Amino acid sequence: MSSAATIAPARTPVKPFYFNTSAHLLRITTQKANTLAEFLEALRVCPDDSIFQHTFRTLQEHHFIREGFSNDFAHWALAACNQPGLAEQLANVDVREFTSLSELRERFVQLVDKHLELNPSDGARVAEETFYFCAADTVMMPTNFVAATMQDFAKGLREVSVHSIHHHFIEARLRLKLMSNDFSQWLHEDVGLTDAARALNRIDIYTATLEDVRRQIVRVVERALA
């Protein structure tokens, strides 16, 4: 048998890509804060689901616009506490740097703790509105899109909801425990398109809406097909 008959083409996936999405049922936890000191203490003990909700989940919600901060902690520090410096620091925390919610929590704790260490009088100042720590029960659901070929994959990327894009491209790093995403992992491991996988990982999720991110992903995949 010739080598051409035994070696699969590089763009033929080893296994299909199944597009999933997720639904979230929001709930309010027992933690709340009316001052930065209370916020710091609540931040230390709130459930991991709250850290996820106020960062990864609100990043998805804020992706429909190009203005404002990408996490709820920064929004509250600015709008309710009138602390633009702290808000800027909290907003600069990039979720792409984390594959662990405990490490992400610790980053926020360090920033607030340092601010109060330098500005102790800010700790007791009452905010204009209470911060309620929320969390969400998440249920993963399959979609009707399954990609057995790269053409199917490109079509699925164009047609699935932005919630599915967020599920696979942003939330996935917590599931994978890698600085990557489901799309890149599949392109690298099951299709052999390592350069395309790396290109997807370089897409900036903070300077565009989710629809813009989708378009960038599709462009990378279409270039790989050319």
C-alpha atoms as a PDB file:
ATOM      1  CA  MET A   1       0.000   0.000   0.000  1.00  0.00           C
ATOM      2  CA  SER A   2       1.397   3.416  -0.937  1.00  0.00           C
ATOM      3  CA  SER A   3       2.191   6.042   1.671  1.00  0.00           C
ATOM      4  CA  ALA A   4      -0.382   8.340   0.047  1.00  0.00           C
ATOM      5  CA  ALA A   5      -3.081   5.785   0.845  1.00  0.00           C
ATOM      6  CA  THR A   6      -2.045   5.359   4.472  1.00  0.00           C
ATOM      7  CA  ILE A   7      -1.573   9.010   5.454  1.00  0.00           C
ATOM      8  CA  ALA A   8      -4.745  11.055   5.958  1.00  0.00           C
ATOM      9  CA  PRO A   9      -4.803  14.561   4.518  1.00  0.00           C
ATOM     10  CA  ALA A  10      -3.783  17.229   7.057  1.00  0.00           C
ATOM     11  CA  ARG A  11      -7.157  18.949   6.807  1.00  0.00           C
ATOM     12  CA  THR A  12      -9.252  15.847   7.410  1.00  0.00           C
ATOM     13  CA  PRO A  13     -10.289  15.905  11.089  1.00  0.00           C
ATOM     14  CA  VAL A  14      -9.545  12.822  13.152  1.00  0.00           C
ATOM     15  CA  LYS A  15     -12.881  13.298  14.921  1.00  0.00           C
ATOM     16  CA  PRO A  16     -15.804  15.732  14.550  1.00  0.00           C
ATOM     17  CA  PHE A  17     -16.130  18.983  16.455  1.00  0.00           C
ATOM     18  CA  TYR A  18     -19.374  19.168  18.421  1.00  0.00           C
ATOM     19  CA  PHE A  19     -20.602  22.715  18.966  1.00  0.00           C
ATOM     20  CA  ASN A  20     -22.118  23.157  22.415  1.00  0.00           C
ATOM     21  CA  THR A  21     -23.539  26.097  24.282  1.00  0.00           C
ATOM     22  CA  SER A  22     -24.417  26.789  27.902  1.00  0.00           C
ATOM     23  CA  ALA A  23     -27.350  28.225  29.819  1.00  0.00           C
ATOM     24  CA  HIS A  24     -26.969  30.060  33.112  1.00  0.00           C
ATOM     25  CA  LEU A  25     -29.493  30.423  35.930  1.00  0.00           C
ATOM     26  CA  LEU A  26     -28.489  33.479  37.957  1.00  0.00           C
ATOM     27  CA  ARG A  27     -28.799  33.534  41.755  1.00  0.00           C
ATOM     28  CA  ILE A  28     -27.749  35.973  44.490  1.00  0.00           C
ATOM     29  CA  THR A  29     -25.339  34.604  47.093  1.00  0.00           C
ATOM     30  CA  THR A  30     -25.188  35.551  50.773  1.00  0.00           C
ATOM     31  CA  GLN A  31     -22.244  37.914  50.198  1.00  0.00           C
ATOM     32  CA  LYS A  32     -22.757  41.632  49.640  1.00  0.00           C
ATOM     33  CA  ALA A  33     -20.753  44.803  50.182  1.00  0.00           C
ATOM     34  CA  ASN A  34     -21.511  48.445  50.959  1.00  0.00           C
ATOM     35  CA  THR A  35     -17.889  49.497  51.442  1.00  0.00           C
ATOM     36  CA  LEU A  36     -14.566  48.507  49.924  1.00  0.00           C
ATOM     37  CA  ALA A  37     -13.583  46.841  53.223  1.00  0.00           C
ATOM     38  CA  GLU A  38     -16.721  44.692  53.095  1.00  0.00           C
ATOM     39  CA  PHE A  39     -16.070  44.023  49.409  1.00  0.00           C
ATOM     40  CA  LEU A  40     -12.587  42.714  50.166  1.00  0.00           C
ATOM     41  CA  GLU A  41     -13.856  40.362  52.857  1.00  0.00           C
ATOM     42  CA  ALA A  42     -16.668  39.085  50.634  1.00  0.00           C
ATOM     43  CA  LEU A  43     -14.244  38.645  47.760  1.00  0.00           C
ATOM     44  CA  ARG A  44     -12.134  36.332  49.926  1.00  0.00           C
ATOM     45  CA  VAL A  45     -15.019  33.989  50.822  1.00  0.00           C
ATOM     46  CA  CYS A  46     -17.548  34.130  47.976  1.00  0.00           C
ATOM     47  CA  PRO A  47     -17.976  30.916  45.950  1.00  0.00           C
ATOM     48  CA  ASP A  48     -15.857  30.332  42.872  1.00  0.00           C
ATOM     49  CA  ASP A  49     -19.065  30.580  40.852  1.00  0.00           C
ATOM     50  CA  SER A  50     -19.273  34.255  41.843  1.00  0.00           C
ATOM     51  CA  ILE A  51     -15.772  34.963  40.560  1.00  0.00           C
ATOM     52  CA  PHE A  52     -16.744  33.248  37.314  1.00  0.00           C
ATOM     53  CA  GLN A  53     -20.034  35.160  37.071  1.00  0.00           C
ATOM     54  CA  HIS A  54     -18.546  38.602  37.594  1.00  0.00           C
ATOM     55  CA  THR A  55     -15.610  38.067  35.213  1.00  0.00           C
ATOM     56  CA  PHE A  56     -16.020  35.381  32.539  1.00  0.00           C
ATOM     57  CA  ARG A  57     -19.811  35.676  32.389  1.00  0.00           C
ATOM     58  CA  THR A  58     -19.994  39.468  32.401  1.00  0.00           C
ATOM     59  CA  LEU A  59     -17.253  39.541  29.805  1.00  0.00           C
ATOM     60  CA  GLN A  60     -19.755  37.792  27.552  1.00  0.00           C
ATOM     61  CA  GLU A  61     -22.475  40.321  28.388  1.00  0.00           C
ATOM     62  CA  HIS A  62     -20.174  43.293  27.852  1.00  0.00           C
ATOM     63  CA  HIS A  63     -19.021  41.862  24.542  1.00  0.00           C
ATOM     64  CA  PHE A  64     -22.128  43.231  22.881  1.00  0.00           C
ATOM     65  CA  ILE A  65     -20.689  46.742  23.313  1.00  0.00           C
ATOM     66  CA  ARG A  66     -17.214  48.209  22.884  1.00  0.00           C
ATOM     67  CA  GLU A  67     -17.298  50.619  25.839  1.00  0.00           C
ATOM     68  CA  GLY A  68     -17.016  50.160  29.584  1.00  0.00           C
ATOM     69  CA  PHE A  69     -15.152  47.725  31.778  1.00  0.00           C
ATOM     70  CA  SER A  70     -15.249  44.002  31.185  1.00  0.00           C
ATOM     71  CA  ASN A  71     -15.856  42.855  34.765  1.00  0.00           C
ATOM     72  CA  ASP A  72     -18.422  43.819  37.406  1.00  0.00           C
ATOM     73  CA  PHE A  73     -15.839  44.493  40.101  1.00  0.00           C
ATOM     74  CA  ALA A  74     -14.307  47.324  38.084  1.00  0.00           C
ATOM     75  CA  HIS A  75     -17.735  48.739  37.222  1.00  0.00           C
ATOM     76  CA  TRP A  76     -18.724  48.899  40.894  1.00  0.00           C
ATOM     77  CA  ALA A  77     -15.418  50.434  41.986  1.00  0.00           C
ATOM     78  CA  LEU A  78     -15.930  53.253  39.513  1.00  0.00           C
ATOM     79  CA  ALA A  79     -19.696  53.821  39.460  1.00  0.00           C
ATOM     80  CA  ALA A  80     -20.547  53.157  43.124  1.00  0.00           C
ATOM     81  CA  CYS A  81     -17.268  53.882  44.927  1.00  0.00           C
ATOM     82  CA  ASN A  82     -15.861  56.649  42.713  1.00  0.00           C
ATOM     83  CA  GLN A  83     -12.451  54.982  42.678  1.00  0.00           C
ATOM     84  CA  PRO A  84     -11.227  55.318  39.079  1.00  0.00           C
ATOM     85  CA  GLY A  85      -7.682  54.222  39.927  1.00  0.00           C
ATOM     86  CA  LEU A  86      -8.798  50.980  41.559  1.00  0.00           C
ATOM     87  CA  ALA A  87     -11.389  50.439  38.836  1.00  0.00           C
ATOM     88  CA  GLU A  88      -8.680  50.708  36.202  1.00  0.00           C
ATOM     89  CA  GLN A  89      -6.531  48.139  37.990  1.00  0.00           C
ATOM     90  CA  LEU A  90      -9.437  45.724  38.363  1.00  0.00           C
ATOM     91  CA  ALA A  91     -10.383  46.193  34.714  1.00  0.00           C
ATOM     92  CA  ASN A  92      -6.828  45.417  33.629  1.00  0.00           C
ATOM     93  CA  VAL A  93      -7.048  41.875  35.004  1.00  0.00           C
ATOM     94  CA  ASP A  94      -7.029  39.712  31.880  1.00  0.00           C
ATOM     95  CA  VAL A  95      -8.980  36.466  32.295  1.00  0.00           C
ATOM     96  CA  ARG A  96      -6.899  34.942  29.495  1.00  0.00           C
ATOM     97  CA  GLU A  97      -3.986  34.742  31.935  1.00  0.00           C
ATOM     98  CA  PHE A  98      -5.854  32.382  34.257  1.00  0.00           C
ATOM     99  CA  THR A  99      -6.928  28.762  34.108  1.00  0.00           C
ATOM    100  CA  SER A 100      -7.922  28.672  37.780  1.00  0.00           C
ATOM    101  CA  LEU A 101     -10.697  30.645  39.466  1.00  0.00           C
ATOM    102  CA  SER A 102      -8.833  30.567  42.780  1.00  0.00           C
ATOM    103  CA  GLU A 103      -5.843  32.262  41.147  1.00  0.00           C
ATOM    104  CA  LEU A 104      -8.118  34.805  39.482  1.00  0.00           C
ATOM    105  CA  ARG A 105      -9.797  35.525  42.835  1.00  0.00           C
ATOM    106  CA  GLU A 106      -6.412  36.014  44.482  1.00  0.00           C
ATOM    107  CA  ARG A 107      -5.437  38.574  41.856  1.00  0.00           C
ATOM    108  CA  PHE A 108      -8.499  40.689  42.637  1.00  0.00           C
ATOM    109  CA  VAL A 109      -7.955  40.283  46.388  1.00  0.00           C
ATOM    110  CA  GLN A 110      -4.371  41.496  46.050  1.00  0.00           C
ATOM    111  CA  LEU A 111      -5.418  44.590  44.108  1.00  0.00           C
ATOM    112  CA  VAL A 112      -8.155  45.628  46.552  1.00  0.00           C
ATOM    113  CA  ASP A 113      -6.002  44.800  49.575  1.00  0.00           C
ATOM    114  CA  LYS A 114      -3.121  46.895  48.228  1.00  0.00           C
ATOM    115  CA  HIS A 115      -5.442  49.811  47.485  1.00  0.00           C
ATOM    116  CA  LEU A 116      -6.818  49.791  51.035  1.00  0.00           C
ATOM    117  CA  GLU A 117      -3.328  49.470  52.462  1.00  0.00           C
ATOM    118  CA  LEU A 118      -2.328  52.655  50.626  1.00  0.00           C
ATOM    119  CA  ASN A 119      -5.681  54.390  51.155  1.00  0.00           C
ATOM    120  CA  PRO A 120      -7.093  53.134  54.485  1.00  0.00           C
ATOM    121  CA  SER A 121      -9.787  55.815  54.668  1.00  0.00           C
ATOM    122  CA  ASP A 122     -11.397  54.419  51.505  1.00  0.00           C
ATOM    123  CA  GLY A 123     -12.287  51.184  53.289  1.00  0.00           C
ATOM    124  CA  ALA A 124     -15.150  52.557  55.371  1.00  0.00           C
ATOM    125  CA  ARG A 125     -16.612  54.957  52.797  1.00  0.00           C
ATOM    126  CA  VAL A 126     -20.156  53.847  51.963  1.00  0.00           C
ATOM    127  CA  ALA A 127     -20.738  53.103  48.286  1.00  0.00           C
ATOM    128  CA  GLU A 128     -23.617  54.643  46.361  1.00  0.00           C
ATOM    129  CA  GLU A 129     -25.086  51.203  45.834  1.00  0.00           C
ATOM    130  CA  THR A 130     -24.607  47.736  47.289  1.00  0.00           C
ATOM    131  CA  PHE A 131     -22.568  45.141  45.426  1.00  0.00           C
ATOM    132  CA  TYR A 132     -24.383  41.810  45.468  1.00  0.00           C
ATOM    133  CA  PHE A 133     -22.219  38.805  44.714  1.00  0.00           C
ATOM    134  CA  CYS A 134     -24.097  36.633  42.248  1.00  0.00           C
ATOM    135  CA  ALA A 135     -23.435  33.196  40.850  1.00  0.00           C
ATOM    136  CA  ALA A 136     -24.975  31.038  38.173  1.00  0.00           C
ATOM    137  CA  ASP A 137     -25.852  27.398  37.807  1.00  0.00           C
ATOM    138  CA  THR A 138     -24.528  26.410  34.400  1.00  0.00           C
ATOM    139  CA  VAL A 139     -25.961  23.739  32.141  1.00  0.00           C
ATOM    140  CA  MET A 140     -24.105  22.699  29.000  1.00  0.00           C
ATOM    141  CA  MET A 141     -26.303  21.891  26.010  1.00  0.00           C
ATOM    142  CA  PRO A 142     -25.516  20.498  22.557  1.00  0.00           C
ATOM    143  CA  THR A 143     -26.399  22.441  19.431  1.00  0.00           C
ATOM    144  CA  ASN A 144     -27.428  21.091  16.043  1.00  0.00           C
ATOM    145  CA  PHE A 145     -23.987  21.852  14.611  1.00  0.00           C
ATOM    146  CA  VAL A 146     -21.438  19.062  14.213  1.00  0.00           C
ATOM    147  CA  ALA A 147     -18.349  19.513  12.059  1.00  0.00           C
ATOM    148  CA  ALA A 148     -16.959  16.407  10.362  1.00  0.00           C
ATOM    149  CA  THR A 149     -14.965  18.501   7.881  1.00  0.00           C
ATOM    150  CA  MET A 150     -13.234  21.864   7.976  1.00  0.00           C
ATOM    151  CA  GLN A 151     -15.949  23.237   5.704  1.00  0.00           C
ATOM    152  CA  ASP A 152     -18.554  22.138   8.257  1.00  0.00           C
ATOM    153  CA  PHE A 153     -16.472  23.757  10.996  1.00  0.00           C
ATOM    154  CA  ALA A 154     -16.352  27.092   9.190  1.00  0.00           C
ATOM    155  CA  LYS A 155     -20.101  26.918   8.559  1.00  0.00           C
ATOM    156  CA  GLY A 156     -20.775  26.128  12.212  1.00  0.00           C
ATOM    157  CA  LEU A 157     -18.632  29.051  13.344  1.00  0.00           C
ATOM    158  CA  ARG A 158     -20.654  31.397  11.152  1.00  0.00           C
ATOM    159  CA  GLU A 159     -24.043  30.103  12.299  1.00  0.00           C
ATOM    160  CA  VAL A 160     -23.892  29.153  15.982  1.00  0.00           C
ATOM    161  CA  SER A 161     -24.956  31.697  18.589  1.00  0.00           C
ATOM    162  CA  VAL A 162     -22.435  34.001  20.233  1.00  0.00           C
ATOM    163  CA  HIS A 163     -23.156  32.079  23.439  1.00  0.00           C
ATOM    164  CA  SER A 164     -21.623  29.016  21.809  1.00  0.00           C
ATOM    165  CA  ILE A 165     -18.618  31.072  20.684  1.00  0.00           C
ATOM    166  CA  HIS A 166     -18.148  32.302  24.251  1.00  0.00           C
ATOM    167  CA  HIS A 167     -18.545  28.768  25.617  1.00  0.00           C
ATOM    168  CA  HIS A 168     -15.849  27.303  23.378  1.00  0.00           C
ATOM    169  CA  PHE A 169     -13.507  30.265  23.005  1.00  0.00           C
ATOM    170  CA  ILE A 170     -13.466  32.011  26.380  1.00  0.00           C
ATOM    171  CA  GLU A 171     -14.930  29.785  29.091  1.00  0.00           C
ATOM    172  CA  ALA A 172     -13.079  26.744  27.740  1.00  0.00           C
ATOM    173  CA  ARG A 173      -9.728  27.612  29.291  1.00  0.00           C
ATOM    174  CA  LEU A 174     -11.137  26.882  32.761  1.00  0.00           C
ATOM    175  CA  ARG A 175     -12.335  23.497  31.535  1.00  0.00           C
ATOM    176  CA  LEU A 176      -9.121  22.714  29.678  1.00  0.00           C
ATOM    177  CA  LYS A 177      -6.852  24.201  32.366  1.00  0.00           C
ATOM    178  CA  LEU A 178      -4.808  25.539  29.461  1.00  0.00           C
ATOM    179  CA  MET A 179      -4.097  28.957  27.960  1.00  0.00           C
ATOM    180  CA  SER A 180      -6.129  27.855  24.974  1.00  0.00           C
ATOM    181  CA  ASN A 181      -9.674  27.203  23.773  1.00  0.00           C
ATOM    182  CA  ASP A 182     -11.757  24.361  22.340  1.00  0.00           C
ATOM    183  CA  PHE A 183     -11.388  25.525  18.744  1.00  0.00           C
ATOM    184  CA  SER A 184      -7.589  25.738  18.917  1.00  0.00           C
ATOM    185  CA  GLN A 185      -7.310  22.393  20.687  1.00  0.00           C
ATOM    186  CA  TRP A 186      -9.364  20.695  17.985  1.00  0.00           C
ATOM    187  CA  LEU A 187      -7.463  22.350  15.134  1.00  0.00           C
ATOM    188  CA  HIS A 188      -4.143  21.361  16.701  1.00  0.00           C
ATOM    189  CA  GLU A 189      -4.905  17.859  17.961  1.00  0.00           C
ATOM    190  CA  ASP A 190      -7.480  16.558  15.480  1.00  0.00           C
ATOM    191  CA  VAL A 191      -6.795  18.469  12.275  1.00  0.00           C
ATOM    192  CA  GLY A 192      -3.066  19.179  12.439  1.00  0.00           C
ATOM    193  CA  LEU A 193      -3.460  22.907  11.776  1.00  0.00           C
ATOM    194  CA  THR A 194      -1.135  24.143  14.497  1.00  0.00           C
ATOM    195  CA  ASP A 195      -0.516  27.577  12.963  1.00  0.00           C
ATOM    196  CA  ALA A 196      -4.252  28.244  12.741  1.00  0.00           C
ATOM    197  CA  ALA A 197      -4.663  27.079  16.337  1.00  0.00           C
ATOM    198  CA  ARG A 198      -1.984  29.517  17.475  1.00  0.00           C
ATOM    199  CA  ALA A 199      -3.525  32.328  15.446  1.00  0.00           C
ATOM    200  CA  LEU A 200      -6.843  31.823  17.245  1.00  0.00           C
ATOM    201  CA  ASN A 201      -5.122  32.042  20.608  1.00  0.00           C
ATOM    202  CA  ARG A 202      -3.715  35.442  19.620  1.00  0.00           C
ATOM    203  CA  ILE A 203      -7.151  36.991  19.024  1.00  0.00           C
ATOM    204  CA  ASP A 204      -7.757  39.844  21.466  1.00  0.00           C
ATOM    205  CA  ILE A 205     -11.085  39.257  23.204  1.00  0.00           C
ATOM    206  CA  TYR A 206     -11.081  42.674  24.882  1.00  0.00           C
ATOM    207  CA  THR A 207     -11.021  45.053  21.930  1.00  0.00           C
ATOM    208  CA  ALA A 208     -13.971  43.691  19.958  1.00  0.00           C
ATOM    209  CA  THR A 209     -17.513  42.441  20.378  1.00  0.00           C
ATOM    210  CA  LEU A 210     -18.209  38.715  20.326  1.00  0.00           C
ATOM    211  CA  GLU A 211     -19.456  39.066  16.757  1.00  0.00           C
ATOM    212  CA  ASP A 212     -16.134  40.663  15.821  1.00  0.00           C
ATOM    213  CA  VAL A 213     -14.312  37.825  17.571  1.00  0.00           C
ATOM    214  CA  ARG A 214     -16.408  35.332  15.607  1.00  0.00           C
ATOM    215  CA  ARG A 215     -15.470  37.047  12.342  1.00  0.00           C
ATOM    216  CA  GLN A 216     -11.772  36.906  13.245  1.00  0.00           C
ATOM    217  CA  ILE A 217     -12.034  33.201  14.058  1.00  0.00           C
ATOM    218  CA  VAL A 218     -13.783  32.528  10.744  1.00  0.00           C
ATOM    219  CA  ARG A 219     -11.107  34.448   8.823  1.00  0.00           C
ATOM    220  CA  VAL A 220      -8.344  32.355  10.392  1.00  0.00           C
ATOM    221  CA  VAL A 221     -10.169  29.121   9.575  1.00  0.00           C
ATOM    222  CA  GLU A 222     -10.937  30.198   6.009  1.00  0.00           C
ATOM    223  CA  ARG A 223      -7.276  31.088   5.448  1.00  0.00           C
ATOM    224  CA  ALA A 224      -6.364  27.601   6.632  1.00  0.00           C
ATOM    225  CA  LEU A 225      -8.775  26.176   4.065  1.00  0.00           C
ATOM    226  CA  ALA A 226      -7.389  28.227   1.189  1.00  0.00           C
END
